[in-house]
């Protein structure tokens, strides 16, 4: 099993959810986060003073999938989240050592 963590623009969340649903992946976790990378923030003006927002709002989507589904999920997220501009986000794929369903105590692939 693999955990896919995608940091994306908040404006692209609905598109990513629809893309994941289209490939049969409906279980996910969303978290509001802030971050920066090459974009390094944006300049704003308030009451005549200029300031820089260097930590921009993003959304982290977490999905745990079987090893064979990783490429399809990554492709779906990339295509749905892409705007072609700096700040589109990043995707991280990390191995999951163990999964347990709290309600039943089931473990492994049955949990997915």
PDB file of N, CA and C in Angstrom:
ATOM      1  N   UNK A   1       0.831  -1.186   0.000  1.00  0.00           N
ATOM      2  CA  UNK A   1       0.000   0.000   0.000  1.00  0.00           C
ATOM      3  C   UNK A   1       0.871   1.244   0.000  1.00  0.00           C
ATOM      4  N   UNK A   2       0.334   2.299  -0.583  1.00  0.00           N
ATOM      5  CA  UNK A   2       1.047   3.562  -0.672  1.00  0.00           C
ATOM      6  C   UNK A   2       0.120   4.696  -0.237  1.00  0.00           C
ATOM      7  N   UNK A   3       0.695   5.697   0.399  1.00  0.00           N
ATOM      8  CA  UNK A   3      -0.051   6.901   0.763  1.00  0.00           C
ATOM      9  C   UNK A   3       0.365   7.996  -0.206  1.00  0.00           C
ATOM     10  N   UNK A   4      -0.612   8.583  -0.870  1.00  0.00           N
ATOM     11  CA  UNK A   4      -0.360   9.673  -1.807  1.00  0.00           C
ATOM     12  C   UNK A   4      -0.796  10.958  -1.132  1.00  0.00           C
ATOM     13  N   UNK A   5       0.158  11.877  -0.975  1.00  0.00           N
ATOM     14  CA  UNK A   5      -0.122  13.191  -0.392  1.00  0.00           C
ATOM     15  C   UNK A   5       0.048  14.227  -1.488  1.00  0.00           C
ATOM     16  N   UNK A   6      -1.006  14.951  -1.761  1.00  0.00           N
ATOM     17  CA  UNK A   6      -0.963  15.978  -2.802  1.00  0.00           C
ATOM     18  C   UNK A   6      -1.248  17.327  -2.163  1.00  0.00           C
ATOM     19  N   UNK A   7      -0.355  18.281  -2.376  1.00  0.00           N
ATOM     20  CA  UNK A   7      -0.550  19.658  -1.920  1.00  0.00           C
ATOM     21  C   UNK A   7      -0.960  20.450  -3.156  1.00  0.00           C
ATOM     22  N   UNK A   8      -2.190  20.985  -3.155  1.00  0.00           N
ATOM     23  CA  UNK A   8      -2.719  21.637  -4.350  1.00  0.00           C
ATOM     24  C   UNK A   8      -3.362  22.973  -4.010  1.00  0.00           C
ATOM     25  N   UNK A   9      -3.737  23.708  -5.052  1.00  0.00           N
ATOM     26  CA  UNK A   9      -4.474  24.960  -4.881  1.00  0.00           C
ATOM     27  C   UNK A   9      -5.880  24.656  -4.352  1.00  0.00           C
ATOM     28  N   UNK A  10      -6.387  25.464  -3.419  1.00  0.00           N
ATOM     29  CA  UNK A  10      -7.757  25.254  -2.932  1.00  0.00           C
ATOM     30  C   UNK A  10      -8.798  25.317  -4.052  1.00  0.00           C
ATOM     31  N   UNK A  11      -8.532  26.110  -5.061  1.00  0.00           N
ATOM     32  CA  UNK A  11      -9.501  26.263  -6.156  1.00  0.00           C
ATOM     33  C   UNK A  11      -9.631  25.012  -7.025  1.00  0.00           C
ATOM     34  N   UNK A  12      -8.719  24.049  -6.877  1.00  0.00           N
ATOM     35  CA  UNK A  12      -8.738  22.844  -7.713  1.00  0.00           C
ATOM     36  C   UNK A  12      -9.262  21.610  -6.977  1.00  0.00           C
ATOM     37  N   UNK A  13      -9.718  21.785  -5.735  1.00  0.00           N
ATOM     38  CA  UNK A  13     -10.160  20.636  -4.940  1.00  0.00           C
ATOM     39  C   UNK A  13     -11.322  19.896  -5.586  1.00  0.00           C
ATOM     40  N   UNK A  14     -12.339  20.611  -6.021  1.00  0.00           N
ATOM     41  CA  UNK A  14     -13.503  19.941  -6.618  1.00  0.00           C
ATOM     42  C   UNK A  14     -13.120  19.145  -7.862  1.00  0.00           C
ATOM     43  N   UNK A  15     -12.244  19.684  -8.688  1.00  0.00           N
ATOM     44  CA  UNK A  15     -11.807  18.979  -9.890  1.00  0.00           C
ATOM     45  C   UNK A  15     -11.063  17.694  -9.524  1.00  0.00           C
ATOM     46  N   UNK A  16     -10.213  17.774  -8.497  1.00  0.00           N
ATOM     47  CA  UNK A  16      -9.450  16.597  -8.077  1.00  0.00           C
ATOM     48  C   UNK A  16     -10.388  15.542  -7.490  1.00  0.00           C
ATOM     49  N   UNK A  17     -11.352  15.956  -6.665  1.00  0.00           N
ATOM     50  CA  UNK A  17     -12.309  14.996  -6.110  1.00  0.00           C
ATOM     51  C   UNK A  17     -13.080  14.288  -7.222  1.00  0.00           C
ATOM     52  N   UNK A  18     -13.535  15.044  -8.221  1.00  0.00           N
ATOM     53  CA  UNK A  18     -14.257  14.433  -9.345  1.00  0.00           C
ATOM     54  C   UNK A  18     -13.367  13.458 -10.120  1.00  0.00           C
ATOM     55  N   UNK A  19     -12.108  13.831 -10.322  1.00  0.00           N
ATOM     56  CA  UNK A  19     -11.184  12.957 -11.055  1.00  0.00           C
ATOM     57  C   UNK A  19     -10.938  11.663 -10.290  1.00  0.00           C
ATOM     58  N   UNK A  20     -10.815  11.744  -8.971  1.00  0.00           N
ATOM     59  CA  UNK A  20     -10.614  10.540  -8.172  1.00  0.00           C
ATOM     60  C   UNK A  20     -11.866   9.668  -8.161  1.00  0.00           C
ATOM     61  N   UNK A  21     -13.024  10.296  -8.059  1.00  0.00           N
ATOM     62  CA  UNK A  21     -14.281   9.534  -8.109  1.00  0.00           C
ATOM     63  C   UNK A  21     -14.431   8.809  -9.447  1.00  0.00           C
ATOM     64  N   UNK A  22     -13.985   9.449 -10.521  1.00  0.00           N
ATOM     65  CA  UNK A  22     -14.099   8.861 -11.858  1.00  0.00           C
ATOM     66  C   UNK A  22     -13.288   7.569 -11.987  1.00  0.00           C
ATOM     67  N   UNK A  23     -12.220   7.428 -11.186  1.00  0.00           N
ATOM     68  CA  UNK A  23     -11.424   6.189 -11.238  1.00  0.00           C
ATOM     69  C   UNK A  23     -11.742   5.274 -10.050  1.00  0.00           C
ATOM     70  N   UNK A  24     -12.823   5.593  -9.332  1.00  0.00           N
ATOM     71  CA  UNK A  24     -13.281   4.711  -8.260  1.00  0.00           C
ATOM     72  C   UNK A  24     -12.645   4.927  -6.909  1.00  0.00           C
ATOM     73  N   UNK A  25     -11.976   6.043  -6.712  1.00  0.00           N
ATOM     74  CA  UNK A  25     -11.334   6.336  -5.421  1.00  0.00           C
ATOM     75  C   UNK A  25     -12.114   7.446  -4.736  1.00  0.00           C
ATOM     76  N   UNK A  26     -12.942   7.089  -3.774  1.00  0.00           N
ATOM     77  CA  UNK A  26     -13.764   8.094  -3.104  1.00  0.00           C
ATOM     78  C   UNK A  26     -13.276   8.404  -1.689  1.00  0.00           C
ATOM     79  N   UNK A  27     -12.463   7.527  -1.108  1.00  0.00           N
ATOM     80  CA  UNK A  27     -11.958   7.752   0.249  1.00  0.00           C
ATOM     81  C   UNK A  27     -10.737   8.654   0.204  1.00  0.00           C
ATOM     82  N   UNK A  28     -10.808   9.755   0.931  1.00  0.00           N
ATOM     83  CA  UNK A  28      -9.673  10.671   0.999  1.00  0.00           C
ATOM     84  C   UNK A  28      -9.790  11.535   2.242  1.00  0.00           C
ATOM     85  N   UNK A  29      -8.713  12.205   2.566  1.00  0.00           N
ATOM     86  CA  UNK A  29      -8.687  13.149   3.675  1.00  0.00           C
ATOM     87  C   UNK A  29      -8.210  14.485   3.138  1.00  0.00           C
ATOM     88  N   UNK A  30      -8.897  15.563   3.494  1.00  0.00           N
ATOM     89  CA  UNK A  30      -8.517  16.914   3.086  1.00  0.00           C
ATOM     90  C   UNK A  30      -8.119  17.717   4.319  1.00  0.00           C
ATOM     91  N   UNK A  31      -7.030  18.455   4.200  1.00  0.00           N
ATOM     92  CA  UNK A  31      -6.574  19.316   5.272  1.00  0.00           C
ATOM     93  C   UNK A  31      -6.197  20.665   4.692  1.00  0.00           C
ATOM     94  N   UNK A  32      -6.651  21.753   5.322  1.00  0.00           N
ATOM     95  CA  UNK A  32      -6.205  23.080   4.913  1.00  0.00           C
ATOM     96  C   UNK A  32      -4.816  23.309   5.487  1.00  0.00           C
ATOM     97  N   UNK A  33      -3.881  23.686   4.624  1.00  0.00           N
ATOM     98  CA  UNK A  33      -2.501  23.917   5.035  1.00  0.00           C
ATOM     99  C   UNK A  33      -2.014  25.225   4.424  1.00  0.00           C
ATOM    100  N   UNK A  34      -0.852  25.667   4.847  1.00  0.00           N
ATOM    101  CA  UNK A  34      -0.200  26.818   4.228  1.00  0.00           C
ATOM    102  C   UNK A  34       1.214  26.414   3.872  1.00  0.00           C
ATOM    103  N   UNK A  35       1.724  26.990   2.788  1.00  0.00           N
ATOM    104  CA  UNK A  35       3.067  26.627   2.384  1.00  0.00           C
ATOM    105  C   UNK A  35       3.622  27.556   1.328  1.00  0.00           C
ATOM    106  N   UNK A  36       4.876  27.285   0.975  1.00  0.00           N
ATOM    107  CA  UNK A  36       5.527  28.048  -0.080  1.00  0.00           C
ATOM    108  C   UNK A  36       6.606  27.186  -0.707  1.00  0.00           C
ATOM    109  N   UNK A  37       6.931  27.526  -1.915  1.00  0.00           N
ATOM    110  CA  UNK A  37       7.988  26.823  -2.635  1.00  0.00           C
ATOM    111  C   UNK A  37       8.601  27.834  -3.600  1.00  0.00           C
ATOM    112  N   UNK A  38       8.648  27.515  -4.875  1.00  0.00           N
ATOM    113  CA  UNK A  38       9.228  28.443  -5.845  1.00  0.00           C
ATOM    114  C   UNK A  38       8.404  29.713  -5.967  1.00  0.00           C
ATOM    115  N   UNK A  39       7.133  29.622  -5.666  1.00  0.00           N
ATOM    116  CA  UNK A  39       6.242  30.767  -5.787  1.00  0.00           C
ATOM    117  C   UNK A  39       6.638  31.891  -4.819  1.00  0.00           C
ATOM    118  N   UNK A  40       7.145  31.518  -3.637  1.00  0.00           N
ATOM    119  CA  UNK A  40       7.675  32.434  -2.619  1.00  0.00           C
ATOM    120  C   UNK A  40       6.688  33.485  -2.139  1.00  0.00           C
ATOM    121  N   UNK A  41       5.423  33.298  -2.340  1.00  0.00           N
ATOM    122  CA  UNK A  41       4.445  34.248  -1.838  1.00  0.00           C
ATOM    123  C   UNK A  41       3.995  35.244  -2.890  1.00  0.00           C
ATOM    124  N   UNK A  42       3.063  36.089  -2.468  1.00  0.00           N
ATOM    125  CA  UNK A  42       2.537  37.107  -3.366  1.00  0.00           C
ATOM    126  C   UNK A  42       2.471  38.442  -2.638  1.00  0.00           C
ATOM    127  N   UNK A  43       2.631  39.525  -3.396  1.00  0.00           N
ATOM    128  CA  UNK A  43       2.559  40.862  -2.810  1.00  0.00           C
ATOM    129  C   UNK A  43       1.114  41.336  -2.784  1.00  0.00           C
ATOM    130  N   UNK A  44       0.742  41.950  -1.675  1.00  0.00           N
ATOM    131  CA  UNK A  44      -0.596  42.515  -1.499  1.00  0.00           C
ATOM    132  C   UNK A  44      -0.451  43.945  -0.991  1.00  0.00           C
ATOM    133  N   UNK A  45      -1.525  44.673  -1.118  1.00  0.00           N
ATOM    134  CA  UNK A  45      -1.530  46.041  -0.619  1.00  0.00           C
ATOM    135  C   UNK A  45      -2.762  46.236   0.257  1.00  0.00           C
ATOM    136  N   UNK A  46      -2.556  46.872   1.413  1.00  0.00           N
ATOM    137  CA  UNK A  46      -3.656  47.116   2.333  1.00  0.00           C
ATOM    138  C   UNK A  46      -3.445  48.478   2.968  1.00  0.00           C
ATOM    139  N   UNK A  47      -4.423  49.343   2.782  1.00  0.00           N
ATOM    140  CA  UNK A  47      -4.365  50.707   3.316  1.00  0.00           C
ATOM    141  C   UNK A  47      -3.078  51.426   2.910  1.00  0.00           C
ATOM    142  N   UNK A  48      -2.697  51.244   1.671  1.00  0.00           N
ATOM    143  CA  UNK A  48      -1.538  51.945   1.132  1.00  0.00           C
ATOM    144  C   UNK A  48      -0.207  51.302   1.445  1.00  0.00           C
ATOM    145  N   UNK A  49      -0.188  50.299   2.290  1.00  0.00           N
ATOM    146  CA  UNK A  49       1.070  49.626   2.637  1.00  0.00           C
ATOM    147  C   UNK A  49       1.157  48.299   1.887  1.00  0.00           C
ATOM    148  N   UNK A  50       2.342  48.001   1.380  1.00  0.00           N
ATOM    149  CA  UNK A  50       2.559  46.760   0.661  1.00  0.00           C
ATOM    150  C   UNK A  50       3.131  45.720   1.620  1.00  0.00           C
ATOM    151  N   UNK A  51       2.643  44.491   1.510  1.00  0.00           N
ATOM    152  CA  UNK A  51       3.171  43.404   2.324  1.00  0.00           C
ATOM    153  C   UNK A  51       3.194  42.130   1.485  1.00  0.00           C
ATOM    154  N   UNK A  52       3.934  41.141   1.947  1.00  0.00           N
ATOM    155  CA  UNK A  52       4.078  39.887   1.207  1.00  0.00           C
ATOM    156  C   UNK A  52       3.448  38.755   2.015  1.00  0.00           C
ATOM    157  N   UNK A  53       2.551  38.039   1.367  1.00  0.00           N
ATOM    158  CA  UNK A  53       2.023  36.803   1.942  1.00  0.00           C
ATOM    159  C   UNK A  53       2.978  35.698   1.506  1.00  0.00           C
ATOM    160  N   UNK A  54       3.846  35.244   2.418  1.00  0.00           N
ATOM    161  CA  UNK A  54       4.828  34.255   1.983  1.00  0.00           C
ATOM    162  C   UNK A  54       4.390  32.820   2.262  1.00  0.00           C
ATOM    163  N   UNK A  55       3.353  32.630   3.058  1.00  0.00           N
ATOM    164  CA  UNK A  55       2.768  31.308   3.238  1.00  0.00           C
ATOM    165  C   UNK A  55       1.366  31.339   2.639  1.00  0.00           C
ATOM    166  N   UNK A  56       1.208  30.653   1.532  1.00  0.00           N
ATOM    167  CA  UNK A  56      -0.047  30.697   0.792  1.00  0.00           C
ATOM    168  C   UNK A  56      -0.970  29.549   1.188  1.00  0.00           C
ATOM    169  N   UNK A  57      -2.274  29.777   1.154  1.00  0.00           N
ATOM    170  CA  UNK A  57      -3.212  28.702   1.479  1.00  0.00           C
ATOM    171  C   UNK A  57      -3.170  27.607   0.418  1.00  0.00           C
ATOM    172  N   UNK A  58      -3.114  26.378   0.885  1.00  0.00           N
ATOM    173  CA  UNK A  58      -3.127  25.193   0.024  1.00  0.00           C
ATOM    174  C   UNK A  58      -4.032  24.163   0.679  1.00  0.00           C
ATOM    175  N   UNK A  59      -4.279  23.076  -0.024  1.00  0.00           N
ATOM    176  CA  UNK A  59      -5.042  21.954   0.515  1.00  0.00           C
ATOM    177  C   UNK A  59      -4.189  20.702   0.351  1.00  0.00           C
ATOM    178  N   UNK A  60      -4.119  19.904   1.428  1.00  0.00           N
ATOM    179  CA  UNK A  60      -3.415  18.622   1.335  1.00  0.00           C
ATOM    180  C   UNK A  60      -4.463  17.519   1.227  1.00  0.00           C
ATOM    181  N   UNK A  61      -4.351  16.728   0.176  1.00  0.00           N
ATOM    182  CA  UNK A  61      -5.221  15.587  -0.037  1.00  0.00           C
ATOM    183  C   UNK A  61      -4.400  14.332   0.222  1.00  0.00           C
ATOM    184  N   UNK A  62      -4.930  13.462   1.069  1.00  0.00           N
ATOM    185  CA  UNK A  62      -4.255  12.205   1.374  1.00  0.00           C
ATOM    186  C   UNK A  62      -5.144  11.044   0.945  1.00  0.00           C
ATOM    187  N   UNK A  63      -4.545  10.119   0.200  1.00  0.00           N
ATOM    188  CA  UNK A  63      -5.264   8.938  -0.281  1.00  0.00           C
ATOM    189  C   UNK A  63      -4.346   7.737  -0.090  1.00  0.00           C
ATOM    190  N   UNK A  64      -4.858   6.673   0.510  1.00  0.00           N
ATOM    191  CA  UNK A  64      -4.094   5.433   0.642  1.00  0.00           C
ATOM    192  C   UNK A  64      -4.670   4.434  -0.352  1.00  0.00           C
ATOM    193  N   UNK A  65      -3.790   3.870  -1.185  1.00  0.00           N
ATOM    194  CA  UNK A  65      -4.235   2.965  -2.248  1.00  0.00           C
ATOM    195  C   UNK A  65      -3.329   1.741  -2.319  1.00  0.00           C
ATOM    196  N   UNK A  66      -3.823   0.715  -2.985  1.00  0.00           N
ATOM    197  CA  UNK A  66      -3.002  -0.465  -3.260  1.00  0.00           C
ATOM    198  C   UNK A  66      -1.877  -0.076  -4.215  1.00  0.00           C
ATOM    199  N   UNK A  67      -0.781  -0.813  -4.154  1.00  0.00           N
ATOM    200  CA  UNK A  67       0.385  -0.495  -4.980  1.00  0.00           C
ATOM    201  C   UNK A  67       0.042  -0.372  -6.467  1.00  0.00           C
ATOM    202  N   UNK A  68      -0.858  -1.196  -6.950  1.00  0.00           N
ATOM    203  CA  UNK A  68      -1.205  -1.191  -8.368  1.00  0.00           C
ATOM    204  C   UNK A  68      -2.019   0.015  -8.816  1.00  0.00           C
ATOM    205  N   UNK A  69      -2.564   0.767  -7.866  1.00  0.00           N
ATOM    206  CA  UNK A  69      -3.404   1.922  -8.204  1.00  0.00           C
ATOM    207  C   UNK A  69      -2.675   3.258  -8.150  1.00  0.00           C
ATOM    208  N   UNK A  70      -1.423   3.252  -7.740  1.00  0.00           N
ATOM    209  CA  UNK A  70      -0.686   4.505  -7.521  1.00  0.00           C
ATOM    210  C   UNK A  70      -0.605   5.350  -8.783  1.00  0.00           C
ATOM    211  N   UNK A  71      -0.208   4.766  -9.890  1.00  0.00           N
ATOM    212  CA  UNK A  71      -0.025   5.550 -11.120  1.00  0.00           C
ATOM    213  C   UNK A  71      -1.327   6.194 -11.587  1.00  0.00           C
ATOM    214  N   UNK A  72      -2.436   5.456 -11.505  1.00  0.00           N
ATOM    215  CA  UNK A  72      -3.725   6.008 -11.934  1.00  0.00           C
ATOM    216  C   UNK A  72      -4.142   7.172 -11.048  1.00  0.00           C
ATOM    217  N   UNK A  73      -3.926   7.057  -9.742  1.00  0.00           N
ATOM    218  CA  UNK A  73      -4.311   8.122  -8.818  1.00  0.00           C
ATOM    219  C   UNK A  73      -3.428   9.354  -9.027  1.00  0.00           C
ATOM    220  N   UNK A  74      -2.123   9.154  -9.155  1.00  0.00           N
ATOM    221  CA  UNK A  74      -1.203  10.274  -9.376  1.00  0.00           C
ATOM    222  C   UNK A  74      -1.546  10.990 -10.681  1.00  0.00           C
ATOM    223  N   UNK A  75      -1.824  10.244 -11.729  1.00  0.00           N
ATOM    224  CA  UNK A  75      -2.186  10.847 -13.013  1.00  0.00           C
ATOM    225  C   UNK A  75      -3.473  11.647 -12.900  1.00  0.00           C
ATOM    226  N   UNK A  76      -4.478  11.086 -12.223  1.00  0.00           N
ATOM    227  CA  UNK A  76      -5.754  11.787 -12.057  1.00  0.00           C
ATOM    228  C   UNK A  76      -5.572  13.093 -11.297  1.00  0.00           C
ATOM    229  N   UNK A  77      -4.786  13.055 -10.233  1.00  0.00           N
ATOM    230  CA  UNK A  77      -4.558  14.273  -9.440  1.00  0.00           C
ATOM    231  C   UNK A  77      -3.803  15.306 -10.269  1.00  0.00           C
ATOM    232  N   UNK A  78      -2.751  14.887 -10.943  1.00  0.00           N
ATOM    233  CA  UNK A  78      -1.949  15.819 -11.758  1.00  0.00           C
ATOM    234  C   UNK A  78      -2.799  16.509 -12.818  1.00  0.00           C
ATOM    235  N   UNK A  79      -3.567  15.734 -13.541  1.00  0.00           N
ATOM    236  CA  UNK A  79      -4.361  16.311 -14.621  1.00  0.00           C
ATOM    237  C   UNK A  79      -5.442  17.256 -14.097  1.00  0.00           C
ATOM    238  N   UNK A  80      -6.040  16.918 -12.955  1.00  0.00           N
ATOM    239  CA  UNK A  80      -7.115  17.753 -12.415  1.00  0.00           C
ATOM    240  C   UNK A  80      -6.598  18.995 -11.709  1.00  0.00           C
ATOM    241  N   UNK A  81      -5.412  18.924 -11.132  1.00  0.00           N
ATOM    242  CA  UNK A  81      -4.882  20.048 -10.344  1.00  0.00           C
ATOM    243  C   UNK A  81      -4.051  21.023 -11.177  1.00  0.00           C
ATOM    244  N   UNK A  82      -3.640  20.625 -12.369  1.00  0.00           N
ATOM    245  CA  UNK A  82      -2.708  21.425 -13.169  1.00  0.00           C
ATOM    246  C   UNK A  82      -3.374  22.664 -13.767  1.00  0.00           C
ATOM    247  N   UNK A  83      -2.746  23.834 -13.533  1.00  0.00           N
ATOM    248  CA  UNK A  83      -3.156  25.065 -14.206  1.00  0.00           C
ATOM    249  C   UNK A  83      -2.047  25.549 -15.131  1.00  0.00           C
ATOM    250  N   UNK A  84      -0.845  25.011 -14.947  1.00  0.00           N
ATOM    251  CA  UNK A  84       0.293  25.427 -15.756  1.00  0.00           C
ATOM    252  C   UNK A  84       1.051  26.606 -15.175  1.00  0.00           C
ATOM    253  N   UNK A  85       0.680  27.027 -13.973  1.00  0.00           N
ATOM    254  CA  UNK A  85       1.338  28.164 -13.337  1.00  0.00           C
ATOM    255  C   UNK A  85       2.085  27.714 -12.089  1.00  0.00           C
ATOM    256  N   UNK A  86       3.054  28.546 -11.658  1.00  0.00           N
ATOM    257  CA  UNK A  86       3.739  28.270 -10.398  1.00  0.00           C
ATOM    258  C   UNK A  86       2.705  28.137  -9.288  1.00  0.00           C
ATOM    259  N   UNK A  87       2.937  27.199  -8.370  1.00  0.00           N
ATOM    260  CA  UNK A  87       2.024  27.039  -7.254  1.00  0.00           C
ATOM    261  C   UNK A  87       0.977  25.966  -7.453  1.00  0.00           C
ATOM    262  N   UNK A  88       1.084  25.187  -8.543  1.00  0.00           N
ATOM    263  CA  UNK A  88       0.114  24.114  -8.769  1.00  0.00           C
ATOM    264  C   UNK A  88       0.212  23.021  -7.705  1.00  0.00           C
ATOM    265  N   UNK A  89       1.379  22.827  -7.123  1.00  0.00           N
ATOM    266  CA  UNK A  89       1.500  21.884  -6.018  1.00  0.00           C
ATOM    267  C   UNK A  89       2.530  20.801  -6.230  1.00  0.00           C
ATOM    268  N   UNK A  90       2.494  19.848  -5.309  1.00  0.00           N
ATOM    269  CA  UNK A  90       3.421  18.718  -5.315  1.00  0.00           C
ATOM    270  C   UNK A  90       2.648  17.467  -4.919  1.00  0.00           C
ATOM    271  N   UNK A  91       3.183  16.305  -5.320  1.00  0.00           N
ATOM    272  CA  UNK A  91       2.627  15.019  -4.916  1.00  0.00           C
ATOM    273  C   UNK A  91       3.767  14.186  -4.330  1.00  0.00           C
ATOM    274  N   UNK A  92       3.491  13.579  -3.181  1.00  0.00           N
ATOM    275  CA  UNK A  92       4.456  12.703  -2.518  1.00  0.00           C
ATOM    276  C   UNK A  92       3.823  11.322  -2.383  1.00  0.00           C
ATOM    277  N   UNK A  93       4.597  10.289  -2.688  1.00  0.00           N
ATOM    278  CA  UNK A  93       4.123   8.915  -2.547  1.00  0.00           C
ATOM    279  C   UNK A  93       5.019   8.238  -1.517  1.00  0.00           C
ATOM    280  N   UNK A  94       4.384   7.737  -0.451  1.00  0.00           N
ATOM    281  CA  UNK A  94       5.132   7.119   0.646  1.00  0.00           C
ATOM    282  C   UNK A  94       4.537   5.745   0.978  1.00  0.00           C
ATOM    283  N   UNK A  95       5.393   4.786   1.306  1.00  0.00           N
ATOM    284  CA  UNK A  95       4.879   3.456   1.647  1.00  0.00           C
ATOM    285  C   UNK A  95       4.108   3.475   2.975  1.00  0.00           C
ATOM    286  N   UNK A  96       3.097   2.617   3.039  1.00  0.00           N
ATOM    287  CA  UNK A  96       2.306   2.462   4.262  1.00  0.00           C
ATOM    288  C   UNK A  96       2.609   1.073   4.806  1.00  0.00           C
ATOM    289  N   UNK A  97       3.104   1.024   6.022  1.00  0.00           N
ATOM    290  CA  UNK A  97       3.500  -0.252   6.612  1.00  0.00           C
ATOM    291  C   UNK A  97       2.336  -1.090   7.102  1.00  0.00           C
ATOM    292  N   UNK A  98       1.297  -0.439   7.620  1.00  0.00           N
ATOM    293  CA  UNK A  98       0.188  -1.188   8.209  1.00  0.00           C
ATOM    294  C   UNK A  98      -1.056  -0.319   8.241  1.00  0.00           C
ATOM    295  N   UNK A  99      -2.211  -0.908   7.961  1.00  0.00           N
ATOM    296  CA  UNK A  99      -3.474  -0.186   8.070  1.00  0.00           C
ATOM    297  C   UNK A  99      -4.457  -1.027   8.880  1.00  0.00           C
ATOM    298  N   UNK A 100      -5.235  -0.347   9.716  1.00  0.00           N
ATOM    299  CA  UNK A 100      -6.212  -1.015  10.558  1.00  0.00           C
ATOM    300  C   UNK A 100      -7.517  -0.242  10.514  1.00  0.00           C
ATOM    301  N   UNK A 101      -8.636  -0.933  10.287  1.00  0.00           N
ATOM    302  CA  UNK A 101      -9.954  -0.300  10.367  1.00  0.00           C
ATOM    303  C   UNK A 101     -10.368  -0.326  11.840  1.00  0.00           C
ATOM    304  N   UNK A 102     -10.561   0.835  12.414  1.00  0.00           N
ATOM    305  CA  UNK A 102     -10.846   0.962  13.835  1.00  0.00           C
ATOM    306  C   UNK A 102     -12.125   0.221  14.219  1.00  0.00           C
ATOM    307  N   UNK A 103     -13.169   0.360  13.419  1.00  0.00           N
ATOM    308  CA  UNK A 103     -14.476  -0.215  13.754  1.00  0.00           C
ATOM    309  C   UNK A 103     -14.431  -1.731  13.894  1.00  0.00           C
ATOM    310  N   UNK A 104     -13.721  -2.425  12.980  1.00  0.00           N
ATOM    311  CA  UNK A 104     -13.765  -3.890  12.955  1.00  0.00           C
ATOM    312  C   UNK A 104     -12.453  -4.559  13.333  1.00  0.00           C
ATOM    313  N   UNK A 105     -11.367  -3.820  13.315  1.00  0.00           N
ATOM    314  CA  UNK A 105     -10.070  -4.422  13.589  1.00  0.00           C
ATOM    315  C   UNK A 105      -9.433  -5.070  12.374  1.00  0.00           C
ATOM    316  N   UNK A 106     -10.111  -4.985  11.206  1.00  0.00           N
ATOM    317  CA  UNK A 106      -9.538  -5.557   9.971  1.00  0.00           C
ATOM    318  C   UNK A 106      -8.205  -4.885   9.681  1.00  0.00           C
ATOM    319  N   UNK A 107      -7.336  -5.639   9.000  1.00  0.00           N
ATOM    320  CA  UNK A 107      -6.045  -5.079   8.622  1.00  0.00           C
ATOM    321  C   UNK A 107      -5.737  -5.365   7.156  1.00  0.00           C
ATOM    322  N   UNK A 108      -4.808  -4.580   6.612  1.00  0.00           N
ATOM    323  CA  UNK A 108      -4.321  -4.804   5.258  1.00  0.00           C
ATOM    324  C   UNK A 108      -5.207  -4.234   4.171  1.00  0.00           C
ATOM    325  N   UNK A 109      -5.171  -4.884   3.005  1.00  0.00           N
ATOM    326  CA  UNK A 109      -5.906  -4.387   1.833  1.00  0.00           C
ATOM    327  C   UNK A 109      -7.418  -4.342   2.044  1.00  0.00           C
ATOM    328  N   UNK A 110      -7.951  -5.147   2.935  1.00  0.00           N
ATOM    329  CA  UNK A 110      -9.384  -5.154   3.202  1.00  0.00           C
ATOM    330  C   UNK A 110      -9.850  -3.806   3.744  1.00  0.00           C
ATOM    331  N   UNK A 111      -8.954  -3.062   4.345  1.00  0.00           N
ATOM    332  CA  UNK A 111      -9.288  -1.759   4.922  1.00  0.00           C
ATOM    333  C   UNK A 111      -9.597  -0.737   3.820  1.00  0.00           C
ATOM    334  N   UNK A 112      -8.946  -0.884   2.683  1.00  0.00           N
ATOM    335  CA  UNK A 112      -9.135   0.061   1.596  1.00  0.00           C
ATOM    336  C   UNK A 112     -10.492  -0.141   0.976  1.00  0.00           C
TER     337      UNK A 112
END
